[in-house]
PDB file of N, CA and C in Angstrom:
ATOM      1  N   MET A   1       0.841  -1.191   0.000  1.00  0.00           N
ATOM      2  CA  MET A   1       0.000   0.000   0.000  1.00  0.00           C
ATOM      3  C   MET A   1       0.873   1.236   0.000  1.00  0.00           C
ATOM      4  N   LYS A   2       0.511   2.202  -0.824  1.00  0.00           N
ATOM      5  CA  LYS A   2       1.232   3.470  -0.897  1.00  0.00           C
ATOM      6  C   LYS A   2       0.408   4.555  -0.211  1.00  0.00           C
ATOM      7  N   ILE A   3       1.076   5.264   0.679  1.00  0.00           N
ATOM      8  CA  ILE A   3       0.448   6.379   1.384  1.00  0.00           C
ATOM      9  C   ILE A   3       1.249   7.634   1.078  1.00  0.00           C
ATOM     10  N   PHE A   4       0.541   8.692   0.719  1.00  0.00           N
ATOM     11  CA  PHE A   4       1.190   9.977   0.465  1.00  0.00           C
ATOM     12  C   PHE A   4       0.797  10.923   1.594  1.00  0.00           C
ATOM     13  N   ILE A   5       1.790  11.601   2.150  1.00  0.00           N
ATOM     14  CA  ILE A   5       1.553  12.532   3.254  1.00  0.00           C
ATOM     15  C   ILE A   5       1.965  13.934   2.815  1.00  0.00           C
ATOM     16  N   ILE A   6       1.059  14.866   3.007  1.00  0.00           N
ATOM     17  CA  ILE A   6       1.361  16.281   2.790  1.00  0.00           C
ATOM     18  C   ILE A   6       1.455  16.887   4.178  1.00  0.00           C
ATOM     19  N   ASP A   7       2.649  17.336   4.536  1.00  0.00           N
ATOM     20  CA  ASP A   7       2.882  17.776   5.911  1.00  0.00           C
ATOM     21  C   ASP A   7       3.848  18.952   5.911  1.00  0.00           C
ATOM     22  N   PHE A   8       3.318  20.151   6.110  1.00  0.00           N
ATOM     23  CA  PHE A   8       4.139  21.352   6.107  1.00  0.00           C
ATOM     24  C   PHE A   8       4.663  21.707   7.503  1.00  0.00           C
ATOM     25  N   SER A   9       4.520  20.803   8.456  1.00  0.00           N
ATOM     26  CA  SER A   9       5.013  21.057   9.816  1.00  0.00           C
ATOM     27  C   SER A   9       6.460  20.591   9.947  1.00  0.00           C
ATOM     28  N   ARG A  10       7.071  20.940  11.052  1.00  0.00           N
ATOM     29  CA  ARG A  10       8.451  20.508  11.310  1.00  0.00           C
ATOM     30  C   ARG A  10       8.505  19.051  11.758  1.00  0.00           C
ATOM     31  N   ALA A  11       7.485  18.603  12.438  1.00  0.00           N
ATOM     32  CA  ALA A  11       7.449  17.222  12.930  1.00  0.00           C
ATOM     33  C   ALA A  11       6.990  16.285  11.811  1.00  0.00           C
ATOM     34  N   ASN A  12       7.244  15.018  11.987  1.00  0.00           N
ATOM     35  CA  ASN A  12       6.825  13.995  11.031  1.00  0.00           C
ATOM     36  C   ASN A  12       5.908  12.981  11.711  1.00  0.00           C
ATOM     37  N   LEU A  13       4.943  13.457  12.472  1.00  0.00           N
ATOM     38  CA  LEU A  13       4.132  12.567  13.292  1.00  0.00           C
ATOM     39  C   LEU A  13       3.363  11.523  12.495  1.00  0.00           C
ATOM     40  N   ILE A  14       2.773  11.914  11.390  1.00  0.00           N
ATOM     41  CA  ILE A  14       2.005  10.960  10.588  1.00  0.00           C
ATOM     42  C   ILE A  14       2.948   9.915  10.000  1.00  0.00           C
ATOM     43  N   ALA A  15       4.053  10.354   9.447  1.00  0.00           N
ATOM     44  CA  ALA A  15       5.012   9.426   8.850  1.00  0.00           C
ATOM     45  C   ALA A  15       5.564   8.457   9.891  1.00  0.00           C
ATOM     46  N   GLU A  16       5.863   8.956  11.062  1.00  0.00           N
ATOM     47  CA  GLU A  16       6.386   8.093  12.122  1.00  0.00           C
ATOM     48  C   GLU A  16       5.374   7.019  12.513  1.00  0.00           C
ATOM     49  N   LYS A  17       4.116   7.366  12.478  1.00  0.00           N
ATOM     50  CA  LYS A  17       3.067   6.426  12.848  1.00  0.00           C
ATOM     51  C   LYS A  17       2.905   5.312  11.806  1.00  0.00           C
ATOM     52  N   LEU A  18       3.136   5.629  10.529  1.00  0.00           N
ATOM     53  CA  LEU A  18       2.845   4.687   9.442  1.00  0.00           C
ATOM     54  C   LEU A  18       4.065   4.126   8.721  1.00  0.00           C
ATOM     55  N   ASN A  19       5.206   4.721   8.882  1.00  0.00           N
ATOM     56  CA  ASN A  19       6.365   4.414   8.061  1.00  0.00           C
ATOM     57  C   ASN A  19       6.814   2.960   8.102  1.00  0.00           C
ATOM     58  N   HIS A  20       6.634   2.282   9.188  1.00  0.00           N
ATOM     59  CA  HIS A  20       7.131   0.911   9.303  1.00  0.00           C
ATOM     60  C   HIS A  20       6.161  -0.117   8.734  1.00  0.00           C
ATOM     61  N   GLN A  21       4.958   0.286   8.421  1.00  0.00           N
ATOM     62  CA  GLN A  21       3.939  -0.650   7.958  1.00  0.00           C
ATOM     63  C   GLN A  21       3.626  -0.505   6.472  1.00  0.00           C
ATOM     64  N   PHE A  22       3.950   0.636   5.863  1.00  0.00           N
ATOM     65  CA  PHE A  22       3.514   0.928   4.500  1.00  0.00           C
ATOM     66  C   PHE A  22       4.604   1.649   3.725  1.00  0.00           C
ATOM     67  N   LYS A  23       4.423   1.738   2.422  1.00  0.00           N
ATOM     68  CA  LYS A  23       5.287   2.588   1.604  1.00  0.00           C
ATOM     69  C   LYS A  23       4.764   4.008   1.760  1.00  0.00           C
ATOM     70  N   VAL A  24       5.575   4.846   2.375  1.00  0.00           N
ATOM     71  CA  VAL A  24       5.150   6.204   2.688  1.00  0.00           C
ATOM     72  C   VAL A  24       5.969   7.204   1.877  1.00  0.00           C
ATOM     73  N   PHE A  25       5.274   8.137   1.252  1.00  0.00           N
ATOM     74  CA  PHE A  25       5.896   9.222   0.497  1.00  0.00           C
ATOM     75  C   PHE A  25       5.454  10.527   1.144  1.00  0.00           C
ATOM     76  N   ILE A  26       6.386  11.464   1.294  1.00  0.00           N
ATOM     77  CA  ILE A  26       6.088  12.708   2.011  1.00  0.00           C
ATOM     78  C   ILE A  26       6.506  13.917   1.188  1.00  0.00           C
ATOM     79  N   GLU A  27       5.661  14.926   1.202  1.00  0.00           N
ATOM     80  CA  GLU A  27       6.039  16.240   0.682  1.00  0.00           C
ATOM     81  C   GLU A  27       5.888  17.222   1.825  1.00  0.00           C
ATOM     82  N   LYS A  28       6.971  17.919   2.160  1.00  0.00           N
ATOM     83  CA  LYS A  28       6.963  18.811   3.311  1.00  0.00           C
ATOM     84  C   LYS A  28       7.100  20.282   2.945  1.00  0.00           C
ATOM     85  N   LYS A  29       7.421  20.595   1.693  1.00  0.00           N
ATOM     86  CA  LYS A  29       7.745  21.984   1.385  1.00  0.00           C
ATOM     87  C   LYS A  29       6.831  22.657   0.380  1.00  0.00           C
ATOM     88  N   ASP A  30       6.349  21.919  -0.606  1.00  0.00           N
ATOM     89  CA  ASP A  30       5.714  22.580  -1.733  1.00  0.00           C
ATOM     90  C   ASP A  30       4.463  21.843  -2.193  1.00  0.00           C
ATOM     91  N   GLY A  31       3.342  22.547  -2.205  1.00  0.00           N
ATOM     92  CA  GLY A  31       2.088  21.959  -2.646  1.00  0.00           C
ATOM     93  C   GLY A  31       2.107  21.555  -4.107  1.00  0.00           C
ATOM     94  N   GLY A  32       2.805  22.321  -4.942  1.00  0.00           N
ATOM     95  CA  GLY A  32       2.930  21.978  -6.353  1.00  0.00           C
ATOM     96  C   GLY A  32       3.655  20.662  -6.550  1.00  0.00           C
ATOM     97  N   ASN A  33       4.701  20.441  -5.756  1.00  0.00           N
ATOM     98  CA  ASN A  33       5.410  19.158  -5.808  1.00  0.00           C
ATOM     99  C   ASN A  33       4.488  18.027  -5.383  1.00  0.00           C
ATOM    100  N   ALA A  34       3.716  18.250  -4.343  1.00  0.00           N
ATOM    101  CA  ALA A  34       2.777  17.222  -3.879  1.00  0.00           C
ATOM    102  C   ALA A  34       1.780  16.883  -4.973  1.00  0.00           C
ATOM    103  N   TYR A  35       1.258  17.883  -5.634  1.00  0.00           N
ATOM    104  CA  TYR A  35       0.298  17.695  -6.725  1.00  0.00           C
ATOM    105  C   TYR A  35       0.892  16.817  -7.825  1.00  0.00           C
ATOM    106  N   ARG A  36       2.116  17.109  -8.233  1.00  0.00           N
ATOM    107  CA  ARG A  36       2.775  16.333  -9.290  1.00  0.00           C
ATOM    108  C   ARG A  36       3.099  14.918  -8.829  1.00  0.00           C
ATOM    109  N   GLN A  37       3.606  14.780  -7.606  1.00  0.00           N
ATOM    110  CA  GLN A  37       3.995  13.469  -7.098  1.00  0.00           C
ATOM    111  C   GLN A  37       2.795  12.533  -6.939  1.00  0.00           C
ATOM    112  N   VAL A  38       1.680  13.069  -6.495  1.00  0.00           N
ATOM    113  CA  VAL A  38       0.483  12.247  -6.332  1.00  0.00           C
ATOM    114  C   VAL A  38       0.059  11.662  -7.679  1.00  0.00           C
ATOM    115  N   ALA A  39       0.133  12.450  -8.732  1.00  0.00           N
ATOM    116  CA  ALA A  39      -0.234  11.959 -10.063  1.00  0.00           C
ATOM    117  C   ALA A  39       0.729  10.877 -10.546  1.00  0.00           C
ATOM    118  N   GLU A  40       1.991  10.997 -10.194  1.00  0.00           N
ATOM    119  CA  GLU A  40       2.982   9.991 -10.594  1.00  0.00           C
ATOM    120  C   GLU A  40       2.855   8.715  -9.776  1.00  0.00           C
ATOM    121  N   LEU A  41       2.705   8.849  -8.489  1.00  0.00           N
ATOM    122  CA  LEU A  41       2.714   7.697  -7.585  1.00  0.00           C
ATOM    123  C   LEU A  41       1.360   7.002  -7.466  1.00  0.00           C
ATOM    124  N   MET A  42       0.290   7.741  -7.649  1.00  0.00           N
ATOM    125  CA  MET A  42      -1.071   7.221  -7.475  1.00  0.00           C
ATOM    126  C   MET A  42      -1.209   6.425  -6.169  1.00  0.00           C
ATOM    127  N   PRO A  43      -1.075   7.120  -5.035  1.00  0.00           N
ATOM    128  CA  PRO A  43      -1.178   6.439  -3.744  1.00  0.00           C
ATOM    129  C   PRO A  43      -2.599   5.948  -3.480  1.00  0.00           C
ATOM    130  N   ASP A  44      -2.713   5.029  -2.533  1.00  0.00           N
ATOM    131  CA  ASP A  44      -4.016   4.497  -2.135  1.00  0.00           C
ATOM    132  C   ASP A  44      -4.762   5.468  -1.233  1.00  0.00           C
ATOM    133  N   VAL A  45      -4.016   6.242  -0.441  1.00  0.00           N
ATOM    134  CA  VAL A  45      -4.590   7.173   0.535  1.00  0.00           C
ATOM    135  C   VAL A  45      -3.669   8.388   0.642  1.00  0.00           C
ATOM    136  N   ILE A  46      -4.266   9.543   0.900  1.00  0.00           N
ATOM    137  CA  ILE A  46      -3.499  10.760   1.160  1.00  0.00           C
ATOM    138  C   ILE A  46      -3.884  11.273   2.543  1.00  0.00           C
ATOM    139  N   PHE A  47      -2.876  11.588   3.349  1.00  0.00           N
ATOM    140  CA  PHE A  47      -3.094  12.234   4.640  1.00  0.00           C
ATOM    141  C   PHE A  47      -2.476  13.623   4.576  1.00  0.00           C
ATOM    142  N   VAL A  48      -3.216  14.616   5.047  1.00  0.00           N
ATOM    143  CA  VAL A  48      -2.733  15.990   5.083  1.00  0.00           C
ATOM    144  C   VAL A  48      -2.654  16.413   6.541  1.00  0.00           C
ATOM    145  N   ASN A  49      -1.446  16.766   7.008  1.00  0.00           N
ATOM    146  CA  ASN A  49      -1.328  17.324   8.348  1.00  0.00           C
ATOM    147  C   ASN A  49      -1.882  18.739   8.258  1.00  0.00           C
ATOM    148  N   TYR A  50      -2.991  18.923   8.897  1.00  0.00           N
ATOM    149  CA  TYR A  50      -3.781  20.138   8.745  1.00  0.00           C
ATOM    150  C   TYR A  50      -3.593  21.117   9.896  1.00  0.00           C
ATOM    151  N   LYS A  51      -2.738  20.760  10.827  1.00  0.00           N
ATOM    152  CA  LYS A  51      -2.530  21.615  11.992  1.00  0.00           C
ATOM    153  C   LYS A  51      -1.729  22.866  11.622  1.00  0.00           C
ATOM    154  N   ASP A  52      -0.638  22.691  10.901  1.00  0.00           N
ATOM    155  CA  ASP A  52       0.195  23.807  10.468  1.00  0.00           C
ATOM    156  C   ASP A  52      -0.141  24.144   9.016  1.00  0.00           C
ATOM    157  N   LYS A  53      -0.257  25.395   8.707  1.00  0.00           N
ATOM    158  CA  LYS A  53      -0.544  25.884   7.356  1.00  0.00           C
ATOM    159  C   LYS A  53      -1.774  25.208   6.731  1.00  0.00           C
ATOM    160  N   PRO A  54      -2.916  25.316   7.390  1.00  0.00           N
ATOM    161  CA  PRO A  54      -4.109  24.645   6.861  1.00  0.00           C
ATOM    162  C   PRO A  54      -4.503  25.106   5.464  1.00  0.00           C
ATOM    163  N   SER A  55      -4.286  26.372   5.143  1.00  0.00           N
ATOM    164  CA  SER A  55      -4.678  26.840   3.811  1.00  0.00           C
ATOM    165  C   SER A  55      -3.820  26.197   2.724  1.00  0.00           C
ATOM    166  N   HIS A  56      -2.546  25.953   2.992  1.00  0.00           N
ATOM    167  CA  HIS A  56      -1.674  25.300   2.021  1.00  0.00           C
ATOM    168  C   HIS A  56      -2.147  23.860   1.774  1.00  0.00           C
ATOM    169  N   GLY A  57      -2.411  23.146   2.848  1.00  0.00           N
ATOM    170  CA  GLY A  57      -2.874  21.763   2.728  1.00  0.00           C
ATOM    171  C   GLY A  57      -4.221  21.678   2.035  1.00  0.00           C
ATOM    172  N   ARG A  58      -5.106  22.588   2.364  1.00  0.00           N
ATOM    173  CA  ARG A  58      -6.445  22.603   1.759  1.00  0.00           C
ATOM    174  C   ARG A  58      -6.355  22.882   0.259  1.00  0.00           C
ATOM    175  N   GLN A  59      -5.560  23.855  -0.135  1.00  0.00           N
ATOM    176  CA  GLN A  59      -5.419  24.191  -1.549  1.00  0.00           C
ATOM    177  C   GLN A  59      -4.807  23.040  -2.339  1.00  0.00           C
ATOM    178  N   THR A  60      -3.790  22.411  -1.784  1.00  0.00           N
ATOM    179  CA  THR A  60      -3.155  21.278  -2.463  1.00  0.00           C
ATOM    180  C   THR A  60      -4.144  20.131  -2.627  1.00  0.00           C
ATOM    181  N   ALA A  61      -4.867  19.824  -1.574  1.00  0.00           N
ATOM    182  CA  ALA A  61      -5.857  18.741  -1.638  1.00  0.00           C
ATOM    183  C   ALA A  61      -6.966  19.063  -2.634  1.00  0.00           C
ATOM    184  N   GLN A  62      -7.398  20.297  -2.667  1.00  0.00           N
ATOM    185  CA  GLN A  62      -8.435  20.710  -3.614  1.00  0.00           C
ATOM    186  C   GLN A  62      -7.954  20.497  -5.059  1.00  0.00           C
ATOM    187  N   SER A  63      -6.718  20.859  -5.325  1.00  0.00           N
ATOM    188  CA  SER A  63      -6.158  20.671  -6.664  1.00  0.00           C
ATOM    189  C   SER A  63      -6.075  19.186  -7.029  1.00  0.00           C
ATOM    190  N   ILE A  64      -5.717  18.363  -6.074  1.00  0.00           N
ATOM    191  CA  ILE A  64      -5.644  16.921  -6.308  1.00  0.00           C
ATOM    192  C   ILE A  64      -7.034  16.369  -6.620  1.00  0.00           C
ATOM    193  N   LYS A  65      -8.054  16.807  -5.891  1.00  0.00           N
ATOM    194  CA  LYS A  65      -9.430  16.347  -6.116  1.00  0.00           C
ATOM    195  C   LYS A  65      -9.982  16.817  -7.458  1.00  0.00           C
ATOM    196  N   GLU A  66      -9.538  17.964  -7.929  1.00  0.00           N
ATOM    197  CA  GLU A  66     -10.037  18.513  -9.195  1.00  0.00           C
ATOM    198  C   GLU A  66      -9.427  17.828 -10.415  1.00  0.00           C
ATOM    199  N   ARG A  67      -8.300  17.175 -10.222  1.00  0.00           N
ATOM    200  CA  ARG A  67      -7.643  16.463 -11.330  1.00  0.00           C
ATOM    201  C   ARG A  67      -8.336  15.122 -11.530  1.00  0.00           C
ATOM    202  N   LYS A  68      -8.787  14.861 -12.741  1.00  0.00           N
ATOM    203  CA  LYS A  68      -9.542  13.643 -13.031  1.00  0.00           C
ATOM    204  C   LYS A  68      -8.786  12.378 -12.601  1.00  0.00           C
ATOM    205  N   LYS A  69      -7.508  12.309 -12.902  1.00  0.00           N
ATOM    206  CA  LYS A  69      -6.707  11.122 -12.609  1.00  0.00           C
ATOM    207  C   LYS A  69      -6.632  10.822 -11.119  1.00  0.00           C
ATOM    208  N   THR A  70      -6.617  11.854 -10.289  1.00  0.00           N
ATOM    209  CA  THR A  70      -6.412  11.658  -8.847  1.00  0.00           C
ATOM    210  C   THR A  70      -7.666  11.932  -8.012  1.00  0.00           C
ATOM    211  N   SER A  71      -8.762  12.220  -8.651  1.00  0.00           N
ATOM    212  CA  SER A  71      -9.964  12.654  -7.928  1.00  0.00           C
ATOM    213  C   SER A  71     -10.564  11.591  -7.005  1.00  0.00           C
ATOM    214  N   GLN A  72     -10.300  10.330  -7.259  1.00  0.00           N
ATOM    215  CA  GLN A  72     -10.902   9.263  -6.452  1.00  0.00           C
ATOM    216  C   GLN A  72     -10.043   8.823  -5.265  1.00  0.00           C
ATOM    217  N   ILE A  73      -8.855   9.383  -5.122  1.00  0.00           N
ATOM    218  CA  ILE A  73      -7.987   9.013  -4.000  1.00  0.00           C
ATOM    219  C   ILE A  73      -8.559   9.625  -2.722  1.00  0.00           C
ATOM    220  N   PRO A  74      -8.813   8.797  -1.694  1.00  0.00           N
ATOM    221  CA  PRO A  74      -9.335   9.348  -0.436  1.00  0.00           C
ATOM    222  C   PRO A  74      -8.316  10.268   0.243  1.00  0.00           C
ATOM    223  N   ILE A  75      -8.810  11.401   0.737  1.00  0.00           N
ATOM    224  CA  ILE A  75      -7.959  12.365   1.429  1.00  0.00           C
ATOM    225  C   ILE A  75      -8.484  12.552   2.848  1.00  0.00           C
ATOM    226  N   PHE A  76      -7.559  12.444   3.806  1.00  0.00           N
ATOM    227  CA  PHE A  76      -7.895  12.620   5.215  1.00  0.00           C
ATOM    228  C   PHE A  76      -7.053  13.754   5.783  1.00  0.00           C
ATOM    229  N   PHE A  77      -7.727  14.694   6.422  1.00  0.00           N
ATOM    230  CA  PHE A  77      -7.081  15.852   7.040  1.00  0.00           C
ATOM    231  C   PHE A  77      -6.914  15.560   8.526  1.00  0.00           C
ATOM    232  N   VAL A  78      -5.671  15.618   8.990  1.00  0.00           N
ATOM    233  CA  VAL A  78      -5.344  15.199  10.345  1.00  0.00           C
ATOM    234  C   VAL A  78      -5.075  16.405  11.243  1.00  0.00           C
ATOM    235  N   ASN A  79      -5.739  16.401  12.411  1.00  0.00           N
ATOM    236  CA  ASN A  79      -5.481  17.350  13.496  1.00  0.00           C
ATOM    237  C   ASN A  79      -5.787  18.813  13.188  1.00  0.00           C
ATOM    238  N   GLY A  80      -6.790  19.069  12.387  1.00  0.00           N
ATOM    239  CA  GLY A  80      -7.214  20.448  12.158  1.00  0.00           C
ATOM    240  C   GLY A  80      -8.155  20.906  13.265  1.00  0.00           C
ATOM    241  N   ASP A  81      -8.290  22.215  13.421  1.00  0.00           N
ATOM    242  CA  ASP A  81      -9.262  22.692  14.409  1.00  0.00           C
ATOM    243  C   ASP A  81     -10.655  22.734  13.762  1.00  0.00           C
ATOM    244  N   GLU A  82     -11.675  22.855  14.566  1.00  0.00           N
ATOM    245  CA  GLU A  82     -13.065  22.785  14.093  1.00  0.00           C
ATOM    246  C   GLU A  82     -13.361  23.775  12.973  1.00  0.00           C
ATOM    247  N   LYS A  83     -12.886  24.994  13.121  1.00  0.00           N
ATOM    248  CA  LYS A  83     -13.139  26.029  12.124  1.00  0.00           C
ATOM    249  C   LYS A  83     -12.564  25.624  10.761  1.00  0.00           C
ATOM    250  N   GLU A  84     -11.362  25.099  10.767  1.00  0.00           N
ATOM    251  CA  GLU A  84     -10.722  24.664   9.524  1.00  0.00           C
ATOM    252  C   GLU A  84     -11.373  23.398   8.973  1.00  0.00           C
ATOM    253  N   ASN A  85     -11.818  22.506   9.845  1.00  0.00           N
ATOM    254  CA  ASN A  85     -12.439  21.260   9.400  1.00  0.00           C
ATOM    255  C   ASN A  85     -13.701  21.508   8.581  1.00  0.00           C
ATOM    256  N   GLU A  86     -14.416  22.548   8.903  1.00  0.00           N
ATOM    257  CA  GLU A  86     -15.626  22.879   8.146  1.00  0.00           C
ATOM    258  C   GLU A  86     -15.290  23.242   6.697  1.00  0.00           C
ATOM    259  N   LYS A  87     -14.116  23.776   6.469  1.00  0.00           N
ATOM    260  CA  LYS A  87     -13.717  24.224   5.136  1.00  0.00           C
ATOM    261  C   LYS A  87     -13.317  23.078   4.205  1.00  0.00           C
ATOM    262  N   ILE A  88     -13.070  21.896   4.754  1.00  0.00           N
ATOM    263  CA  ILE A  88     -12.581  20.791   3.924  1.00  0.00           C
ATOM    264  C   ILE A  88     -13.609  19.679   3.731  1.00  0.00           C
ATOM    265  N   SER A  89     -14.802  19.857   4.231  1.00  0.00           N
ATOM    266  CA  SER A  89     -15.785  18.764   4.195  1.00  0.00           C
ATOM    267  C   SER A  89     -16.122  18.310   2.774  1.00  0.00           C
ATOM    268  N   HIS A  90     -15.965  19.167   1.780  1.00  0.00           N
ATOM    269  CA  HIS A  90     -16.246  18.796   0.386  1.00  0.00           C
ATOM    270  C   HIS A  90     -15.031  18.141  -0.299  1.00  0.00           C
ATOM    271  N   ILE A  91     -13.877  18.147   0.375  1.00  0.00           N
ATOM    272  CA  ILE A  91     -12.648  17.602  -0.203  1.00  0.00           C
ATOM    273  C   ILE A  91     -12.301  16.241   0.389  1.00  0.00           C
ATOM    274  N   GLY A  92     -12.449  16.143   1.711  1.00  0.00           N
ATOM    275  CA  GLY A  92     -12.036  14.921   2.398  1.00  0.00           C
ATOM    276  C   GLY A  92     -12.653  14.838   3.780  1.00  0.00           C
ATOM    277  N   VAL A  93     -12.051  14.015   4.618  1.00  0.00           N
ATOM    278  CA  VAL A  93     -12.579  13.745   5.952  1.00  0.00           C
ATOM    279  C   VAL A  93     -11.574  14.216   6.996  1.00  0.00           C
ATOM    280  N   ALA A  94     -12.060  14.929   8.004  1.00  0.00           N
ATOM    281  CA  ALA A  94     -11.219  15.380   9.106  1.00  0.00           C
ATOM    282  C   ALA A  94     -11.138  14.276  10.162  1.00  0.00           C
ATOM    283  N   ILE A  95      -9.908  13.939  10.565  1.00  0.00           N
ATOM    284  CA  ILE A  95      -9.703  12.911  11.585  1.00  0.00           C
ATOM    285  C   ILE A  95      -8.637  13.382  12.567  1.00  0.00           C
ATOM    286  N   THR A  96      -8.510  12.656  13.666  1.00  0.00           N
ATOM    287  CA  THR A  96      -7.446  12.930  14.629  1.00  0.00           C
ATOM    288  C   THR A  96      -6.277  11.986  14.355  1.00  0.00           C
ATOM    289  N   MET A  97      -5.156  12.264  14.951  1.00  0.00           N
ATOM    290  CA  MET A  97      -3.975  11.416  14.800  1.00  0.00           C
ATOM    291  C   MET A  97      -4.265   9.982  15.238  1.00  0.00           C
ATOM    292  N   ASP A  98      -5.037   9.831  16.299  1.00  0.00           N
ATOM    293  CA  ASP A  98      -5.355   8.497  16.809  1.00  0.00           C
ATOM    294  C   ASP A  98      -6.244   7.693  15.864  1.00  0.00           C
ATOM    295  N   GLU A  99      -6.925   8.357  14.958  1.00  0.00           N
ATOM    296  CA  GLU A  99      -7.850   7.677  14.054  1.00  0.00           C
ATOM    297  C   GLU A  99      -7.218   7.244  12.725  1.00  0.00           C
ATOM    298  N   ILE A 100      -5.993   7.605  12.472  1.00  0.00           N
ATOM    299  CA  ILE A 100      -5.371   7.359  11.169  1.00  0.00           C
ATOM    300  C   ILE A 100      -5.511   5.911  10.719  1.00  0.00           C
ATOM    301  N   GLU A 101      -5.121   4.978  11.538  1.00  0.00           N
ATOM    302  CA  GLU A 101      -5.132   3.576  11.118  1.00  0.00           C
ATOM    303  C   GLU A 101      -6.531   3.049  10.846  1.00  0.00           C
ATOM    304  N   ASN A 102      -7.554   3.678  11.409  1.00  0.00           N
ATOM    305  CA  ASN A 102      -8.934   3.259  11.145  1.00  0.00           C
ATOM    306  C   ASN A 102      -9.357   3.555   9.710  1.00  0.00           C
ATOM    307  N   PHE A 103      -8.653   4.434   9.038  1.00  0.00           N
ATOM    308  CA  PHE A 103      -9.047   4.846   7.701  1.00  0.00           C
ATOM    309  C   PHE A 103      -8.184   4.237   6.602  1.00  0.00           C
ATOM    310  N   ILE A 104      -7.391   3.264   6.959  1.00  0.00           N
ATOM    311  CA  ILE A 104      -6.626   2.499   5.982  1.00  0.00           C
ATOM    312  C   ILE A 104      -7.393   1.200   5.757  1.00  0.00           C
ATOM    313  N   PRO A 105      -7.768   0.901   4.531  1.00  0.00           N
ATOM    314  CA  PRO A 105      -8.551  -0.296   4.278  1.00  0.00           C
ATOM    315  C   PRO A 105      -7.880  -1.549   4.833  1.00  0.00           C
ATOM    316  N   ALA A 106      -8.648  -2.399   5.506  1.00  0.00           N
ATOM    317  CA  ALA A 106      -8.111  -3.598   6.170  1.00  0.00           C
ATOM    318  C   ALA A 106      -7.343  -4.480   5.207  1.00  0.00           C
ATOM    319  N   GLU A 107      -7.854  -4.634   3.982  1.00  0.00           N
ATOM    320  CA  GLU A 107      -7.164  -5.509   3.028  1.00  0.00           C
ATOM    321  C   GLU A 107      -5.804  -4.950   2.607  1.00  0.00           C
ATOM    322  N   LYS A 108      -5.593  -3.661   2.816  1.00  0.00           N
ATOM    323  CA  LYS A 108      -4.327  -3.042   2.443  1.00  0.00           C
ATOM    324  C   LYS A 108      -3.287  -3.169   3.563  1.00  0.00           C
ATOM    325  N   LYS A 109      -3.718  -3.493   4.761  1.00  0.00           N
ATOM    326  CA  LYS A 109      -2.803  -3.552   5.898  1.00  0.00           C
ATOM    327  C   LYS A 109      -1.952  -4.818   5.885  1.00  0.00           C
ATOM    328  N   ILE A 110      -2.417  -5.851   5.240  1.00  0.00           N
ATOM    329  CA  ILE A 110      -1.705  -7.122   5.238  1.00  0.00           C
ATOM    330  C   ILE A 110      -0.865  -7.237   3.977  1.00  0.00           C
ATOM    331  N   GLY A 111       0.363  -7.595   4.140  1.00  0.00           N
ATOM    332  CA  GLY A 111       1.241  -7.844   2.998  1.00  0.00           C
ATOM    333  C   GLY A 111       1.508  -6.643   2.122  1.00  0.00           C
ATOM    334  N   CYS A 112       1.701  -5.508   2.745  1.00  0.00           N
ATOM    335  CA  CYS A 112       1.961  -4.322   1.938  1.00  0.00           C
ATOM    336  C   CYS A 112       3.316  -4.436   1.327  1.00  0.00           C
TER     337      CYS A 112
END
C-alpha cells in the first residue's frame, strides 16, 4: 500500500506512525510538488497534516481532487481545528492522529 503525506510542519508525526507498515511518500515543502507526485505515484490514501498551514494543505488537496486522474484518491485531514475542518468537508474527511489507522482499508494492511 502506498500512502502519500502532505505535511508542512516541522514534525513527522504521521510518517512516524505509518512508516514501518507501509510505503510512505512525504512532501513537506511545496504543494505543487505534492500535486505532481500524487499523479505519478497514485497512492491508495493521502493524509494531510492540517494543523500547520491549513490553507496550504487545503489548496493542495483541492487541486488533487479537481484532477480527473487523482480525484478518487481518499484524502484525510489530520489534526485540524473545528473552524478549519468545516472548510474541507467537500474535499475529504477530518480525523485525529489516533484515528489514522482506522481509515486504511483492512485488506491493504496485510502484505503491503
